[in-house]
mmCIF file of all heavy atoms, coordinates in Angstrom:
data_MODEL
# 
_entry.id   MODEL 
# 
loop_
_atom_site.group_PDB 
_atom_site.id 
_atom_site.type_symbol 
_atom_site.label_atom_id 
_atom_site.label_alt_id 
_atom_site.label_comp_id 
_atom_site.label_asym_id 
_atom_site.label_entity_id 
_atom_site.label_seq_id 
_atom_site.pdbx_PDB_ins_code 
_atom_site.Cartn_x 
_atom_site.Cartn_y 
_atom_site.Cartn_z 
_atom_site.occupancy 
_atom_site.B_iso_or_equiv 
_atom_site.pdbx_formal_charge 
_atom_site.auth_seq_id 
_atom_site.auth_comp_id 
_atom_site.auth_asym_id 
_atom_site.auth_atom_id 
_atom_site.pdbx_PDB_model_num 
ATOM 1   N N   . LEU A 1 1  ? 25.451 -56.294 -17.308 1.00 0.00 ? 1  LEU A N   1 
ATOM 2   C CA  . LEU A 1 1  ? 25.892 -57.347 -18.212 1.00 0.00 ? 1  LEU A CA  1 
ATOM 3   C C   . LEU A 1 1  ? 26.862 -56.778 -19.228 1.00 0.00 ? 1  LEU A C   1 
ATOM 4   O O   . LEU A 1 1  ? 26.641 -55.701 -19.775 1.00 0.00 ? 1  LEU A O   1 
ATOM 5   C CB  . LEU A 1 1  ? 24.688 -57.969 -18.949 1.00 0.00 ? 1  LEU A CB  1 
ATOM 6   C CG  . LEU A 1 1  ? 25.004 -59.137 -19.873 1.00 0.00 ? 1  LEU A CG  1 
ATOM 7   C CD1 . LEU A 1 1  ? 25.613 -60.315 -19.113 1.00 0.00 ? 1  LEU A CD1 1 
ATOM 8   C CD2 . LEU A 1 1  ? 23.759 -59.579 -20.622 1.00 0.00 ? 1  LEU A CD2 1 
ATOM 9   N N   . ASP A 1 2  ? 27.913 -57.519 -19.458 1.00 0.00 ? 2  ASP A N   1 
ATOM 10  C CA  . ASP A 1 2  ? 28.901 -57.169 -20.469 1.00 0.00 ? 2  ASP A CA  1 
ATOM 11  C C   . ASP A 1 2  ? 29.133 -58.416 -21.312 1.00 0.00 ? 2  ASP A C   1 
ATOM 12  O O   . ASP A 1 2  ? 29.436 -59.479 -20.772 1.00 0.00 ? 2  ASP A O   1 
ATOM 13  C CB  . ASP A 1 2  ? 30.201 -56.732 -19.785 1.00 0.00 ? 2  ASP A CB  1 
ATOM 14  C CG  . ASP A 1 2  ? 31.221 -56.162 -20.742 1.00 0.00 ? 2  ASP A CG  1 
ATOM 15  O OD1 . ASP A 1 2  ? 30.829 -55.673 -21.815 1.00 0.00 ? 2  ASP A OD1 1 
ATOM 16  O OD2 . ASP A 1 2  ? 32.418 -56.192 -20.410 1.00 0.00 ? 2  ASP A OD2 1 
ATOM 17  N N   . LEU A 1 3  ? 28.925 -58.304 -22.605 1.00 0.00 ? 3  LEU A N   1 
ATOM 18  C CA  . LEU A 1 3  ? 29.176 -59.404 -23.545 1.00 0.00 ? 3  LEU A CA  1 
ATOM 19  C C   . LEU A 1 3  ? 30.211 -58.923 -24.548 1.00 0.00 ? 3  LEU A C   1 
ATOM 20  O O   . LEU A 1 3  ? 29.971 -57.976 -25.291 1.00 0.00 ? 3  LEU A O   1 
ATOM 21  C CB  . LEU A 1 3  ? 27.890 -59.798 -24.281 1.00 0.00 ? 3  LEU A CB  1 
ATOM 22  C CG  . LEU A 1 3  ? 26.751 -60.319 -23.418 1.00 0.00 ? 3  LEU A CG  1 
ATOM 23  C CD1 . LEU A 1 3  ? 25.502 -60.546 -24.262 1.00 0.00 ? 3  LEU A CD1 1 
ATOM 24  C CD2 . LEU A 1 3  ? 27.150 -61.581 -22.689 1.00 0.00 ? 3  LEU A CD2 1 
ATOM 25  N N   . ASP A 1 4  ? 31.371 -59.551 -24.538 1.00 0.00 ? 4  ASP A N   1 
ATOM 26  C CA  . ASP A 1 4  ? 32.452 -59.168 -25.439 1.00 0.00 ? 4  ASP A CA  1 
ATOM 27  C C   . ASP A 1 4  ? 32.746 -60.278 -26.425 1.00 0.00 ? 4  ASP A C   1 
ATOM 28  O O   . ASP A 1 4  ? 32.955 -61.428 -26.025 1.00 0.00 ? 4  ASP A O   1 
ATOM 29  C CB  . ASP A 1 4  ? 33.734 -58.870 -24.650 1.00 0.00 ? 4  ASP A CB  1 
ATOM 30  C CG  . ASP A 1 4  ? 33.651 -57.601 -23.830 1.00 0.00 ? 4  ASP A CG  1 
ATOM 31  O OD1 . ASP A 1 4  ? 32.914 -56.675 -24.238 1.00 0.00 ? 4  ASP A OD1 1 
ATOM 32  O OD2 . ASP A 1 4  ? 34.317 -57.528 -22.787 1.00 0.00 ? 4  ASP A OD2 1 
ATOM 33  N N   . LEU A 1 5  ? 32.774 -59.935 -27.700 1.00 0.00 ? 5  LEU A N   1 
ATOM 34  C CA  . LEU A 1 5  ? 33.192 -60.877 -28.730 1.00 0.00 ? 5  LEU A CA  1 
ATOM 35  C C   . LEU A 1 5  ? 34.708 -60.978 -28.653 1.00 0.00 ? 5  LEU A C   1 
ATOM 36  O O   . LEU A 1 5  ? 35.424 -60.024 -28.939 1.00 0.00 ? 5  LEU A O   1 
ATOM 37  C CB  . LEU A 1 5  ? 32.733 -60.398 -30.111 1.00 0.00 ? 5  LEU A CB  1 
ATOM 38  C CG  . LEU A 1 5  ? 33.093 -61.275 -31.301 1.00 0.00 ? 5  LEU A CG  1 
ATOM 39  C CD1 . LEU A 1 5  ? 32.633 -62.715 -31.110 1.00 0.00 ? 5  LEU A CD1 1 
ATOM 40  C CD2 . LEU A 1 5  ? 32.507 -60.679 -32.581 1.00 0.00 ? 5  LEU A CD2 1 
ATOM 41  N N   . LEU A 1 6  ? 35.185 -62.128 -28.209 1.00 0.00 ? 6  LEU A N   1 
ATOM 42  C CA  . LEU A 1 6  ? 36.616 -62.342 -27.998 1.00 0.00 ? 6  LEU A CA  1 
ATOM 43  C C   . LEU A 1 6  ? 37.319 -62.776 -29.279 1.00 0.00 ? 6  LEU A C   1 
ATOM 44  O O   . LEU A 1 6  ? 38.332 -62.188 -29.678 1.00 0.00 ? 6  LEU A O   1 
ATOM 45  C CB  . LEU A 1 6  ? 36.843 -63.418 -26.936 1.00 0.00 ? 6  LEU A CB  1 
ATOM 46  C CG  . LEU A 1 6  ? 36.296 -63.152 -25.548 1.00 0.00 ? 6  LEU A CG  1 
ATOM 47  C CD1 . LEU A 1 6  ? 36.464 -64.393 -24.677 1.00 0.00 ? 6  LEU A CD1 1 
ATOM 48  C CD2 . LEU A 1 6  ? 36.978 -61.948 -24.935 1.00 0.00 ? 6  LEU A CD2 1 
ATOM 49  N N   . LEU A 1 7  ? 36.817 -63.847 -29.858 1.00 0.00 ? 7  LEU A N   1 
ATOM 50  C CA  . LEU A 1 7  ? 37.422 -64.455 -31.034 1.00 0.00 ? 7  LEU A CA  1 
ATOM 51  C C   . LEU A 1 7  ? 36.323 -64.858 -32.001 1.00 0.00 ? 7  LEU A C   1 
ATOM 52  O O   . LEU A 1 7  ? 35.248 -65.309 -31.579 1.00 0.00 ? 7  LEU A O   1 
ATOM 53  C CB  . LEU A 1 7  ? 38.209 -65.713 -30.650 1.00 0.00 ? 7  LEU A CB  1 
ATOM 54  C CG  . LEU A 1 7  ? 39.384 -65.545 -29.699 1.00 0.00 ? 7  LEU A CG  1 
ATOM 55  C CD1 . LEU A 1 7  ? 39.838 -66.897 -29.164 1.00 0.00 ? 7  LEU A CD1 1 
ATOM 56  C CD2 . LEU A 1 7  ? 40.531 -64.829 -30.395 1.00 0.00 ? 7  LEU A CD2 1 
ATOM 57  N N   . TYR A 1 8  ? 36.606 -64.723 -33.277 1.00 0.00 ? 8  TYR A N   1 
ATOM 58  C CA  . TYR A 1 8  ? 35.705 -65.167 -34.330 1.00 0.00 ? 8  TYR A CA  1 
ATOM 59  C C   . TYR A 1 8  ? 36.577 -65.907 -35.335 1.00 0.00 ? 8  TYR A C   1 
ATOM 60  O O   . TYR A 1 8  ? 37.355 -65.281 -36.063 1.00 0.00 ? 8  TYR A O   1 
ATOM 61  C CB  . TYR A 1 8  ? 35.018 -63.974 -34.988 1.00 0.00 ? 8  TYR A CB  1 
ATOM 62  C CG  . TYR A 1 8  ? 33.986 -64.333 -36.022 1.00 0.00 ? 8  TYR A CG  1 
ATOM 63  C CD1 . TYR A 1 8  ? 32.639 -64.364 -35.689 1.00 0.00 ? 8  TYR A CD1 1 
ATOM 64  C CD2 . TYR A 1 8  ? 34.348 -64.630 -37.328 1.00 0.00 ? 8  TYR A CD2 1 
ATOM 65  C CE1 . TYR A 1 8  ? 31.676 -64.685 -36.644 1.00 0.00 ? 8  TYR A CE1 1 
ATOM 66  C CE2 . TYR A 1 8  ? 33.405 -64.959 -38.280 1.00 0.00 ? 8  TYR A CE2 1 
ATOM 67  C CZ  . TYR A 1 8  ? 32.068 -64.980 -37.932 1.00 0.00 ? 8  TYR A CZ  1 
ATOM 68  O OH  . TYR A 1 8  ? 31.121 -65.301 -38.872 1.00 0.00 ? 8  TYR A OH  1 
ATOM 69  N N   . ALA A 1 9  ? 36.496 -67.253 -35.299 1.00 0.00 ? 9  ALA A N   1 
ATOM 70  C CA  . ALA A 1 9  ? 37.411 -68.103 -36.078 1.00 0.00 ? 9  ALA A CA  1 
ATOM 71  C C   . ALA A 1 9  ? 38.832 -67.634 -35.772 1.00 0.00 ? 9  ALA A C   1 
ATOM 72  O O   . ALA A 1 9  ? 39.158 -67.382 -34.615 1.00 0.00 ? 9  ALA A O   1 
ATOM 73  C CB  . ALA A 1 9  ? 37.053 -68.065 -37.548 1.00 0.00 ? 9  ALA A CB  1 
ATOM 74  N N   . ASP A 1 10 ? 39.648 -67.479 -36.782 1.00 0.00 ? 10 ASP A N   1 
ATOM 75  C CA  . ASP A 1 10 ? 40.998 -66.953 -36.547 1.00 0.00 ? 10 ASP A CA  1 
ATOM 76  C C   . ASP A 1 10 ? 41.138 -65.542 -37.118 1.00 0.00 ? 10 ASP A C   1 
ATOM 77  O O   . ASP A 1 10 ? 42.232 -65.074 -37.412 1.00 0.00 ? 10 ASP A O   1 
ATOM 78  C CB  . ASP A 1 10 ? 42.056 -67.887 -37.130 1.00 0.00 ? 10 ASP A CB  1 
ATOM 79  C CG  . ASP A 1 10 ? 41.895 -68.092 -38.632 1.00 0.00 ? 10 ASP A CG  1 
ATOM 80  O OD1 . ASP A 1 10 ? 40.928 -67.544 -39.213 1.00 0.00 ? 10 ASP A OD1 1 
ATOM 81  O OD2 . ASP A 1 10 ? 42.729 -68.801 -39.228 1.00 0.00 ? 10 ASP A OD2 1 
ATOM 82  N N   . LEU A 1 11 ? 40.008 -64.858 -37.247 1.00 0.00 ? 11 LEU A N   1 
ATOM 83  C CA  . LEU A 1 11 ? 39.963 -63.528 -37.834 1.00 0.00 ? 11 LEU A CA  1 
ATOM 84  C C   . LEU A 1 11 ? 40.719 -62.511 -36.991 1.00 0.00 ? 11 LEU A C   1 
ATOM 85  O O   . LEU A 1 11 ? 40.567 -62.462 -35.771 1.00 0.00 ? 11 LEU A O   1 
ATOM 86  C CB  . LEU A 1 11 ? 38.505 -63.079 -37.989 1.00 0.00 ? 11 LEU A CB  1 
ATOM 87  C CG  . LEU A 1 11 ? 38.273 -61.715 -38.632 1.00 0.00 ? 11 LEU A CG  1 
ATOM 88  C CD1 . LEU A 1 11 ? 38.726 -61.721 -40.087 1.00 0.00 ? 11 LEU A CD1 1 
ATOM 89  C CD2 . LEU A 1 11 ? 36.791 -61.359 -38.551 1.00 0.00 ? 11 LEU A CD2 1 
ATOM 90  N N   . GLN A 1 12 ? 41.508 -61.703 -37.667 1.00 0.00 ? 12 GLN A N   1 
ATOM 91  C CA  . GLN A 1 12 ? 42.127 -60.535 -37.051 1.00 0.00 ? 12 GLN A CA  1 
ATOM 92  C C   . GLN A 1 12 ? 41.543 -59.319 -37.757 1.00 0.00 ? 12 GLN A C   1 
ATOM 93  O O   . GLN A 1 12 ? 41.570 -59.245 -38.989 1.00 0.00 ? 12 GLN A O   1 
ATOM 94  C CB  . GLN A 1 12 ? 43.648 -60.574 -37.187 1.00 0.00 ? 12 GLN A CB  1 
ATOM 95  C CG  . GLN A 1 12 ? 44.252 -61.729 -36.392 1.00 0.00 ? 12 GLN A CG  1 
ATOM 96  C CD  . GLN A 1 12 ? 45.767 -61.708 -36.423 1.00 0.00 ? 12 GLN A CD  1 
ATOM 97  O OE1 . GLN A 1 12 ? 46.374 -60.741 -35.983 1.00 0.00 ? 12 GLN A OE1 1 
ATOM 98  N NE2 . GLN A 1 12 ? 46.360 -62.778 -36.936 1.00 0.00 ? 12 GLN A NE2 1 
ATOM 99  N N   . CYS A 1 13 ? 40.991 -58.409 -36.985 1.00 0.00 ? 13 CYS A N   1 
ATOM 100 C CA  . CYS A 1 13 ? 40.246 -57.288 -37.546 1.00 0.00 ? 13 CYS A CA  1 
ATOM 101 C C   . CYS A 1 13 ? 40.465 -56.053 -36.679 1.00 0.00 ? 13 CYS A C   1 
ATOM 102 O O   . CYS A 1 13 ? 40.397 -56.132 -35.448 1.00 0.00 ? 13 CYS A O   1 
ATOM 103 C CB  . CYS A 1 13 ? 38.764 -57.655 -37.579 1.00 0.00 ? 13 CYS A CB  1 
ATOM 104 S SG  . CYS A 1 13 ? 37.662 -56.324 -38.053 1.00 0.00 ? 13 CYS A SG  1 
ATOM 105 N N   . LEU A 1 14 ? 40.717 -54.935 -37.308 1.00 0.00 ? 14 LEU A N   1 
ATOM 106 C CA  . LEU A 1 14 ? 40.842 -53.660 -36.592 1.00 0.00 ? 14 LEU A CA  1 
ATOM 107 C C   . LEU A 1 14 ? 40.054 -52.622 -37.385 1.00 0.00 ? 14 LEU A C   1 
ATOM 108 O O   . LEU A 1 14 ? 40.570 -51.976 -38.289 1.00 0.00 ? 14 LEU A O   1 
ATOM 109 C CB  . LEU A 1 14 ? 42.306 -53.253 -36.454 1.00 0.00 ? 14 LEU A CB  1 
ATOM 110 C CG  . LEU A 1 14 ? 42.592 -51.976 -35.676 1.00 0.00 ? 14 LEU A CG  1 
ATOM 111 C CD1 . LEU A 1 14 ? 41.980 -52.047 -34.279 1.00 0.00 ? 14 LEU A CD1 1 
ATOM 112 C CD2 . LEU A 1 14 ? 44.080 -51.746 -35.575 1.00 0.00 ? 14 LEU A CD2 1 
ATOM 113 N N   . LYS A 1 15 ? 38.764 -52.552 -37.049 1.00 0.00 ? 15 LYS A N   1 
ATOM 114 C CA  . LYS A 1 15 ? 37.857 -51.617 -37.715 1.00 0.00 ? 15 LYS A CA  1 
ATOM 115 C C   . LYS A 1 15 ? 37.132 -50.822 -36.643 1.00 0.00 ? 15 LYS A C   1 
ATOM 116 O O   . LYS A 1 15 ? 36.995 -51.289 -35.508 1.00 0.00 ? 15 LYS A O   1 
ATOM 117 C CB  . LYS A 1 15 ? 36.833 -52.377 -38.570 1.00 0.00 ? 15 LYS A CB  1 
ATOM 118 C CG  . LYS A 1 15 ? 37.432 -53.099 -39.750 1.00 0.00 ? 15 LYS A CG  1 
ATOM 119 C CD  . LYS A 1 15 ? 36.357 -53.755 -40.587 1.00 0.00 ? 15 LYS A CD  1 
ATOM 120 C CE  . LYS A 1 15 ? 36.984 -54.467 -41.773 1.00 0.00 ? 15 LYS A CE  1 
ATOM 121 N NZ  . LYS A 1 15 ? 35.986 -55.165 -42.573 1.00 0.00 ? 15 LYS A NZ  1 
ATOM 122 N N   . PRO A 1 16 ? 36.625 -49.652 -36.985 1.00 0.00 ? 16 PRO A N   1 
ATOM 123 C CA  . PRO A 1 16 ? 35.849 -48.894 -35.992 1.00 0.00 ? 16 PRO A CA  1 
ATOM 124 C C   . PRO A 1 16 ? 34.702 -49.748 -35.443 1.00 0.00 ? 16 PRO A C   1 
ATOM 125 O O   . PRO A 1 16 ? 33.926 -50.309 -36.200 1.00 0.00 ? 16 PRO A O   1 
ATOM 126 C CB  . PRO A 1 16 ? 35.323 -47.693 -36.781 1.00 0.00 ? 16 PRO A CB  1 
ATOM 127 C CG  . PRO A 1 16 ? 36.305 -47.531 -37.909 1.00 0.00 ? 16 PRO A CG  1 
ATOM 128 C CD  . PRO A 1 16 ? 36.754 -48.937 -38.245 1.00 0.00 ? 16 PRO A CD  1 
ATOM 129 N N   . GLY A 1 17 ? 34.670 -49.907 -34.139 1.00 0.00 ? 17 GLY A N   1 
ATOM 130 C CA  . GLY A 1 17 ? 33.612 -50.674 -33.492 1.00 0.00 ? 17 GLY A CA  1 
ATOM 131 C C   . GLY A 1 17 ? 33.872 -52.158 -33.365 1.00 0.00 ? 17 GLY A C   1 
ATOM 132 O O   . GLY A 1 17 ? 33.120 -52.848 -32.694 1.00 0.00 ? 17 GLY A O   1 
ATOM 133 N N   . LEU A 1 18 ? 34.909 -52.686 -34.031 1.00 0.00 ? 18 LEU A N   1 
ATOM 134 C CA  . LEU A 1 18 ? 35.179 -54.118 -33.956 1.00 0.00 ? 18 LEU A CA  1 
ATOM 135 C C   . LEU A 1 18 ? 36.675 -54.391 -34.047 1.00 0.00 ? 18 LEU A C   1 
ATOM 136 O O   . LEU A 1 18 ? 37.298 -54.115 -35.079 1.00 0.00 ? 18 LEU A O   1 
ATOM 137 C CB  . LEU A 1 18 ? 34.458 -54.877 -35.075 1.00 0.00 ? 18 LEU A CB  1 
ATOM 138 C CG  . LEU A 1 18 ? 34.667 -56.392 -35.095 1.00 0.00 ? 18 LEU A CG  1 
ATOM 139 C CD1 . LEU A 1 18 ? 34.098 -57.047 -33.844 1.00 0.00 ? 18 LEU A CD1 1 
ATOM 140 C CD2 . LEU A 1 18 ? 34.037 -57.001 -36.341 1.00 0.00 ? 18 LEU A CD2 1 
ATOM 141 N N   . THR A 1 19 ? 37.216 -54.921 -32.957 1.00 0.00 ? 19 THR A N   1 
ATOM 142 C CA  . THR A 1 19 ? 38.610 -55.346 -32.925 1.00 0.00 ? 19 THR A CA  1 
ATOM 143 C C   . THR A 1 19 ? 38.641 -56.814 -32.527 1.00 0.00 ? 19 THR A C   1 
ATOM 144 O O   . THR A 1 19 ? 38.074 -57.185 -31.507 1.00 0.00 ? 19 THR A O   1 
ATOM 145 C CB  . THR A 1 19 ? 39.429 -54.509 -31.912 1.00 0.00 ? 19 THR A CB  1 
ATOM 146 O OG1 . THR A 1 19 ? 39.359 -53.130 -32.278 1.00 0.00 ? 19 THR A OG1 1 
ATOM 147 C CG2 . THR A 1 19 ? 40.879 -54.948 -31.883 1.00 0.00 ? 19 THR A CG2 1 
ATOM 148 N N   . LEU A 1 20 ? 39.271 -57.622 -33.368 1.00 0.00 ? 20 LEU A N   1 
ATOM 149 C CA  . LEU A 1 20 ? 39.415 -59.051 -33.096 1.00 0.00 ? 20 LEU A CA  1 
ATOM 150 C C   . LEU A 1 20 ? 40.859 -59.469 -33.316 1.00 0.00 ? 20 LEU A C   1 
ATOM 151 O O   . LEU A 1 20 ? 41.450 -59.050 -34.317 1.00 0.00 ? 20 LEU A O   1 
ATOM 152 C CB  . LEU A 1 20 ? 38.507 -59.872 -34.017 1.00 0.00 ? 20 LEU A CB  1 
ATOM 153 C CG  . LEU A 1 20 ? 37.017 -59.745 -33.754 1.00 0.00 ? 20 LEU A CG  1 
ATOM 154 C CD1 . LEU A 1 20 ? 36.219 -60.384 -34.875 1.00 0.00 ? 20 LEU A CD1 1 
ATOM 155 C CD2 . LEU A 1 20 ? 36.651 -60.367 -32.421 1.00 0.00 ? 20 LEU A CD2 1 
ATOM 156 N N   . PRO A 1 21 ? 41.415 -60.276 -32.438 1.00 0.00 ? 21 PRO A N   1 
ATOM 157 C CA  . PRO A 1 21 ? 40.851 -60.669 -31.160 1.00 0.00 ? 21 PRO A CA  1 
ATOM 158 C C   . PRO A 1 21 ? 40.557 -59.443 -30.285 1.00 0.00 ? 21 PRO A C   1 
ATOM 159 O O   . PRO A 1 21 ? 41.106 -58.369 -30.504 1.00 0.00 ? 21 PRO A O   1 
ATOM 160 C CB  . PRO A 1 21 ? 41.937 -61.531 -30.523 1.00 0.00 ? 21 PRO A CB  1 
ATOM 161 C CG  . PRO A 1 21 ? 43.002 -61.725 -31.537 1.00 0.00 ? 21 PRO A CG  1 
ATOM 162 C CD  . PRO A 1 21 ? 42.765 -60.773 -32.648 1.00 0.00 ? 21 PRO A CD  1 
ATOM 163 N N   . HIS A 1 22 ? 39.707 -59.665 -29.287 1.00 0.00 ? 22 HIS A N   1 
ATOM 164 C CA  . HIS A 1 22 ? 39.344 -58.572 -28.392 1.00 0.00 ? 22 HIS A CA  1 
ATOM 165 C C   . HIS A 1 22 ? 40.611 -58.010 -27.745 1.00 0.00 ? 22 HIS A C   1 
ATOM 166 O O   . HIS A 1 22 ? 41.442 -58.774 -27.255 1.00 0.00 ? 22 HIS A O   1 
ATOM 167 C CB  . HIS A 1 22 ? 38.379 -59.074 -27.314 1.00 0.00 ? 22 HIS A CB  1 
ATOM 168 C CG  . HIS A 1 22 ? 37.796 -57.974 -26.501 1.00 0.00 ? 22 HIS A CG  1 
ATOM 169 N ND1 . HIS A 1 22 ? 38.466 -57.395 -25.455 1.00 0.00 ? 22 HIS A ND1 1 
ATOM 170 C CD2 . HIS A 1 22 ? 36.613 -57.335 -26.583 1.00 0.00 ? 22 HIS A CD2 1 
ATOM 171 C CE1 . HIS A 1 22 ? 37.717 -56.439 -24.930 1.00 0.00 ? 22 HIS A CE1 1 
ATOM 172 N NE2 . HIS A 1 22 ? 36.584 -56.389 -25.598 1.00 0.00 ? 22 HIS A NE2 1 
ATOM 173 N N   . PRO A 1 23 ? 40.769 -56.686 -27.755 1.00 0.00 ? 23 PRO A N   1 
ATOM 174 C CA  . PRO A 1 23 ? 41.990 -56.107 -27.174 1.00 0.00 ? 23 PRO A CA  1 
ATOM 175 C C   . PRO A 1 23 ? 42.091 -56.410 -25.680 1.00 0.00 ? 23 PRO A C   1 
ATOM 176 O O   . PRO A 1 23 ? 41.090 -56.435 -24.985 1.00 0.00 ? 23 PRO A O   1 
ATOM 177 C CB  . PRO A 1 23 ? 41.835 -54.605 -27.435 1.00 0.00 ? 23 PRO A CB  1 
ATOM 178 C CG  . PRO A 1 23 ? 40.393 -54.385 -27.719 1.00 0.00 ? 23 PRO A CG  1 
ATOM 179 C CD  . PRO A 1 23 ? 39.834 -55.681 -28.232 1.00 0.00 ? 23 PRO A CD  1 
ATOM 180 N N   . ARG A 1 24 ? 43.245 -56.670 -25.224 1.00 0.00 ? 24 ARG A N   1 
ATOM 181 C CA  . ARG A 1 24 ? 43.582 -56.932 -23.821 1.00 0.00 ? 24 ARG A CA  1 
ATOM 182 C C   . ARG A 1 24 ? 43.068 -58.275 -23.297 1.00 0.00 ? 24 ARG A C   1 
ATOM 183 O O   . ARG A 1 24 ? 43.326 -58.602 -22.154 1.00 0.00 ? 24 ARG A O   1 
ATOM 184 C CB  . ARG A 1 24 ? 43.138 -55.781 -22.901 1.00 0.00 ? 24 ARG A CB  1 
ATOM 185 C CG  . ARG A 1 24 ? 43.795 -54.457 -23.239 1.00 0.00 ? 24 ARG A CG  1 
ATOM 186 C CD  . ARG A 1 24 ? 43.210 -53.277 -22.468 1.00 0.00 ? 24 ARG A CD  1 
ATOM 187 N NE  . ARG A 1 24 ? 41.765 -53.155 -22.552 1.00 0.00 ? 24 ARG A NE  1 
ATOM 188 C CZ  . ARG A 1 24 ? 41.072 -52.681 -23.602 1.00 0.00 ? 24 ARG A CZ  1 
ATOM 189 N NH1 . ARG A 1 24 ? 41.713 -52.299 -24.677 1.00 0.00 ? 24 ARG A NH1 1 
ATOM 190 N NH2 . ARG A 1 24 ? 39.758 -52.591 -23.571 1.00 0.00 ? 24 ARG A NH2 1 
ATOM 191 N N   . MET A 1 25 ? 42.362 -59.058 -24.092 1.00 0.00 ? 25 MET A N   1 
ATOM 192 C CA  . MET A 1 25 ? 41.889 -60.355 -23.582 1.00 0.00 ? 25 MET A CA  1 
ATOM 193 C C   . MET A 1 25 ? 43.065 -61.232 -23.170 1.00 0.00 ? 25 MET A C   1 
ATOM 194 O O   . MET A 1 25 ? 42.958 -62.014 -22.240 1.00 0.00 ? 25 MET A O   1 
ATOM 195 C CB  . MET A 1 25 ? 41.008 -61.082 -24.593 1.00 0.00 ? 25 MET A CB  1 
ATOM 196 C CG  . MET A 1 25 ? 41.729 -61.623 -25.810 1.00 0.00 ? 25 MET A CG  1 
ATOM 197 S SD  . MET A 1 25 ? 40.678 -62.626 -26.899 1.00 0.00 ? 25 MET A SD  1 
ATOM 198 C CE  . MET A 1 25 ? 40.645 -64.178 -26.016 1.00 0.00 ? 25 MET A CE  1 
ATOM 199 N N   . HIS A 1 26 ? 44.179 -61.064 -23.844 1.00 0.00 ? 26 HIS A N   1 
ATOM 200 C CA  . HIS A 1 26 ? 45.372 -61.872 -23.574 1.00 0.00 ? 26 HIS A CA  1 
ATOM 201 C C   . HIS A 1 26 ? 46.064 -61.480 -22.270 1.00 0.00 ? 26 HIS A C   1 
ATOM 202 O O   . HIS A 1 26 ? 46.977 -62.162 -21.833 1.00 0.00 ? 26 HIS A O   1 
ATOM 203 C CB  . HIS A 1 26 ? 46.355 -61.757 -24.746 1.00 0.00 ? 26 HIS A CB  1 
ATOM 204 C CG  . HIS A 1 26 ? 46.862 -60.374 -24.970 1.00 0.00 ? 26 HIS A CG  1 
ATOM 205 N ND1 . HIS A 1 26 ? 46.094 -59.401 -25.583 1.00 0.00 ? 26 HIS A ND1 1 
ATOM 206 C CD2 . HIS A 1 26 ? 48.041 -59.802 -24.653 1.00 0.00 ? 26 HIS A CD2 1 
ATOM 207 C CE1 . HIS A 1 26 ? 46.794 -58.287 -25.633 1.00 0.00 ? 26 HIS A CE1 1 
ATOM 208 N NE2 . HIS A 1 26 ? 47.969 -58.491 -25.076 1.00 0.00 ? 26 HIS A NE2 1 
ATOM 209 N N   . GLN A 1 27 ? 45.582 -60.407 -21.623 1.00 0.00 ? 27 GLN A N   1 
ATOM 210 C CA  . GLN A 1 27 ? 46.163 -59.926 -20.367 1.00 0.00 ? 27 GLN A CA  1 
ATOM 211 C C   . GLN A 1 27 ? 45.209 -60.092 -19.191 1.00 0.00 ? 27 GLN A C   1 
ATOM 212 O O   . GLN A 1 27 ? 45.484 -59.571 -18.113 1.00 0.00 ? 27 GLN A O   1 
ATOM 213 C CB  . GLN A 1 27 ? 46.519 -58.438 -20.501 1.00 0.00 ? 27 GLN A CB  1 
ATOM 214 C CG  . GLN A 1 27 ? 47.497 -58.149 -21.606 1.00 0.00 ? 27 GLN A CG  1 
ATOM 215 C CD  . GLN A 1 27 ? 47.626 -56.659 -21.886 1.00 0.00 ? 27 GLN A CD  1 
ATOM 216 O OE1 . GLN A 1 27 ? 46.668 -55.901 -21.750 1.00 0.00 ? 27 GLN A OE1 1 
ATOM 217 N NE2 . GLN A 1 27 ? 48.814 -56.241 -22.267 1.00 0.00 ? 27 GLN A NE2 1 
ATOM 218 N N   . ARG A 1 28 ? 44.106 -60.770 -19.369 1.00 0.00 ? 28 ARG A N   1 
ATOM 219 C CA  . ARG A 1 28 ? 43.055 -60.826 -18.354 1.00 0.00 ? 28 ARG A CA  1 
ATOM 220 C C   . ARG A 1 28 ? 42.740 -62.253 -17.938 1.00 0.00 ? 28 ARG A C   1 
ATOM 221 O O   . ARG A 1 28 ? 42.155 -63.026 -18.702 1.00 0.00 ? 28 ARG A O   1 
ATOM 222 C CB  . ARG A 1 28 ? 41.799 -60.137 -18.882 1.00 0.00 ? 28 ARG A CB  1 
ATOM 223 C CG  . ARG A 1 28 ? 42.040 -58.660 -19.134 1.00 0.00 ? 28 ARG A CG  1 
ATOM 224 C CD  . ARG A 1 28 ? 40.847 -58.014 -19.729 1.00 0.00 ? 28 ARG A CD  1 
ATOM 225 N NE  . ARG A 1 28 ? 41.011 -56.564 -19.728 1.00 0.00 ? 28 ARG A NE  1 
ATOM 226 C CZ  . ARG A 1 28 ? 40.202 -55.737 -20.327 1.00 0.00 ? 28 ARG A CZ  1 
ATOM 227 N NH1 . ARG A 1 28 ? 39.152 -56.191 -20.989 1.00 0.00 ? 28 ARG A NH1 1 
ATOM 228 N NH2 . ARG A 1 28 ? 40.414 -54.434 -20.265 1.00 0.00 ? 28 ARG A NH2 1 
# 
């Protein structure tokens, strides 16, 4: 099982352990 947090509201975040939107989701 893989559960990826893709989007959280319109938040853009680049912190250790959490990148939003999920990286590469726009290419999959």
